[in-house]
Protein backbone atom coordinates (compact mmCIF):
# COMPACT_ATOMS: atom_id res chain seq x y z
CA UNK A 1 10.26 7.91 34.73
CA UNK A 2 8.29 10.38 32.67
CA UNK A 3 4.93 12.11 32.59
CA UNK A 4 1.94 10.93 34.62
CA UNK A 5 -1.78 11.70 34.69
CA UNK A 6 -4.15 10.45 37.39
CA UNK A 7 -1.51 7.98 38.62
CA UNK A 8 -0.95 6.48 35.15
CA UNK A 9 1.92 6.86 32.67
CA UNK A 10 0.68 9.42 30.17
CA UNK A 11 2.77 11.44 27.69
CA UNK A 12 6.51 10.92 27.20
CA UNK A 13 8.26 8.41 29.41
CA UNK A 14 10.45 5.37 29.90
CA UNK A 15 9.77 2.14 31.77
CA UNK A 16 11.98 -0.89 32.48
CA UNK A 17 10.42 -4.22 33.39
CA UNK A 18 12.01 -6.70 35.81
CA UNK A 19 12.81 -9.08 32.91
CA UNK A 20 15.14 -6.43 31.46
CA UNK A 21 12.87 -5.26 28.64
CA UNK A 22 12.20 -1.53 28.32
CA UNK A 23 10.04 0.97 26.50
CA UNK A 24 10.81 4.59 25.80
CA UNK A 25 8.23 6.74 24.08
CA UNK A 26 4.65 7.90 24.29
CA UNK A 27 2.09 6.55 26.75
CA UNK A 28 -1.65 6.97 27.08
CA UNK A 29 -3.57 5.75 30.14
CA UNK A 30 -0.62 3.55 31.22
CA UNK A 31 -0.37 1.86 27.78
CA UNK A 32 2.22 2.19 25.02
CA UNK A 33 0.44 4.52 22.61
CA UNK A 34 2.01 6.76 19.96
CA UNK A 35 5.64 6.47 18.90
CA UNK A 36 8.20 4.55 20.90
CA UNK A 37 10.96 1.96 21.13
CA UNK A 38 10.60 -1.39 22.90
CA UNK A 39 13.75 -3.39 23.65
CA UNK A 40 13.79 -7.02 24.79
CA UNK A 41 16.44 -8.66 27.00
CA UNK A 42 17.82 -10.63 24.02
CA UNK A 43 18.69 -7.32 22.30
CA UNK A 44 15.88 -7.37 19.72
CA UNK A 45 13.79 -4.22 19.38
CA UNK A 46 10.78 -2.57 17.79
CA UNK A 47 10.85 1.10 16.82
CA UNK A 48 7.59 2.56 15.61
CA UNK A 49 3.97 3.30 16.28
CA UNK A 50 1.85 1.79 19.04
CA UNK A 51 -1.82 1.70 19.91
CA UNK A 52 -3.11 0.35 23.23
CA UNK A 53 0.09 -1.64 23.96
CA UNK A 54 0.24 -3.22 20.47
CA UNK A 55 2.46 -2.46 17.48
CA UNK A 56 0.12 -0.52 15.21
CA UNK A 57 1.06 1.70 12.26
CA UNK A 58 4.54 2.00 10.75
CA UNK A 59 7.43 0.26 12.45
CA UNK A 60 10.61 -1.77 12.29
CA UNK A 61 11.40 -4.93 14.25
CA UNK A 62 15.11 -5.80 14.54
CA UNK A 63 17.02 -8.91 15.57
CA UNK A 64 19.47 -8.64 18.47
CA UNK A 65 22.36 -8.09 16.03
CA UNK A 66 20.55 -5.04 14.59
CA UNK A 67 19.52 -6.67 11.31
CA UNK A 68 16.00 -5.77 10.23
CA UNK A 69 13.50 -8.62 10.62
CA UNK A 70 10.39 -6.74 9.42
CA UNK A 71 9.71 -3.17 8.43
CA UNK A 72 6.32 -1.89 7.36
CA UNK A 73 2.73 -1.68 8.51
CA UNK A 74 1.43 -3.29 11.68
CA UNK A 75 -2.13 -3.75 12.91
CA UNK A 76 -3.00 -5.09 16.35
CA UNK A 77 0.59 -6.22 16.94
CA UNK A 78 1.07 -8.13 13.65
CA UNK A 79 2.31 -7.32 10.14
CA UNK A 80 -0.71 -6.07 8.22
CA UNK A 81 -0.62 -3.77 5.20
CA UNK A 82 2.60 -3.42 3.19
CA UNK A 83 6.03 -4.44 4.42
CA UNK A 84 9.26 -6.35 3.99
CA UNK A 85 10.22 -9.46 5.95
CA UNK A 86 13.83 -10.67 5.96
CA UNK A 87 13.92 -14.38 6.81
CA UNK A 88 16.91 -15.75 8.69
CA UNK A 89 17.61 -18.18 5.80
CA UNK A 90 18.14 -15.22 3.41
CA UNK A 91 14.69 -15.17 1.76
CA UNK A 92 13.10 -11.71 1.47
CA UNK A 93 9.40 -10.98 0.96
CA UNK A 94 8.12 -7.51 0.06
CA UNK A 95 4.43 -6.98 -0.42
CA UNK A 96 1.02 -7.05 1.16
CA UNK A 97 0.22 -8.63 4.52
CA UNK A 98 -2.95 -9.49 6.37
CA UNK A 99 -2.90 -10.66 9.99
CA UNK A 100 0.77 -11.72 9.89
CA UNK A 101 0.38 -13.68 6.62
CA UNK A 102 1.49 -12.84 3.08
CA UNK A 103 -1.80 -11.86 1.46
CA UNK A 104 -2.30 -9.88 -1.76
CA UNK A 105 0.47 -8.94 -4.23
CA UNK A 106 4.07 -9.61 -3.31
CA UNK A 107 7.59 -10.40 -4.37
CA UNK A 108 9.55 -13.23 -2.75
CA UNK A 109 13.25 -13.40 -3.50
CA UNK A 110 14.60 -16.71 -2.26
CA UNK A 111 18.13 -17.16 -0.92
CA UNK A 112 18.88 -19.45 -3.89
CA UNK A 113 18.04 -16.47 -6.18
CA UNK A 114 14.72 -17.87 -7.44
CA UNK A 115 11.96 -15.23 -7.52
CA UNK A 116 8.19 -15.42 -7.24
CA UNK A 117 6.12 -12.36 -8.06
CA UNK A 118 2.37 -12.53 -7.83
CA UNK A 119 -0.60 -13.13 -5.61
CA UNK A 120 -0.63 -14.66 -2.15
CA UNK A 121 -3.48 -15.88 -0.01
CA UNK A 122 -3.18 -16.63 3.70
CA UNK A 123 0.59 -17.10 3.48
CA UNK A 124 0.87 -19.21 0.31
CA UNK A 125 1.19 -18.48 -3.41
CA UNK A 126 -2.33 -18.44 -4.76
CA UNK A 127 -3.62 -16.68 -7.88
CA UNK A 128 -1.72 -15.28 -10.85
CA UNK A 129 2.04 -15.24 -10.56
CA UNK A 130 5.41 -15.81 -12.16
CA UNK A 131 8.26 -17.90 -10.81
CA UNK A 132 11.76 -17.33 -12.17
CA UNK A 133 14.14 -20.25 -11.73
CA UNK A 134 17.88 -19.82 -11.26
CA UNK A 135 18.47 -21.00 -14.86
CA UNK A 136 16.33 -18.09 -16.12
CA UNK A 137 13.23 -20.14 -17.00
CA UNK A 138 9.97 -18.44 -16.02
CA UNK A 139 6.78 -20.27 -15.07
CA UNK A 140 3.70 -18.07 -15.28
CA UNK A 141 0.15 -19.02 -14.48
CA UNK A 142 -2.47 -19.54 -11.83
CA UNK A 143 -1.16 -20.91 -8.55
CA UNK A 144 -3.39 -22.94 -6.26
CA UNK A 145 -2.45 -23.45 -2.60
CA UNK A 146 1.29 -22.95 -3.23
CA UNK A 147 1.42 -25.45 -6.13
CA UNK A 148 3.26 -24.47 -9.30
CA UNK A 149 1.11 -24.64 -12.46
CA UNK A 150 3.15 -27.58 -13.80
CA UNK A 151 2.27 -29.57 -10.67
CA UNK A 152 -1.41 -29.26 -11.56
CA UNK A 153 -1.21 -31.42 -14.71
């Protein structure tokens, strides 16, 4: 249901697939393009910007219970830019992303209340950073491939 152009969904509209997933929002040449909401049969959803059927721009992905999984920038369907990811184990990462990996500056707050703030490369701590332990001790230095500075000696 919605607007059509030359036999293709184009403009505002809603579509429901046979698997129970649905999309309501903007279309261009029969592709999700613009702002819209996609819902999956398990109850999870994405509300945000689309480009050529892929999450692209600002958006929020939610679990079936409504809790936010990721909110931030997307590029070609993956987190890319700046955003926050809430892990199911209680860890929370806020910072820069590249191609669905933590990459650049970021802050990871672990469920056990330890905190790492610093540089990431391709999903692991790499570069200058500080790690605060639950006892209050802080380890600061250069991280290499997710290894704490003390592990290097």
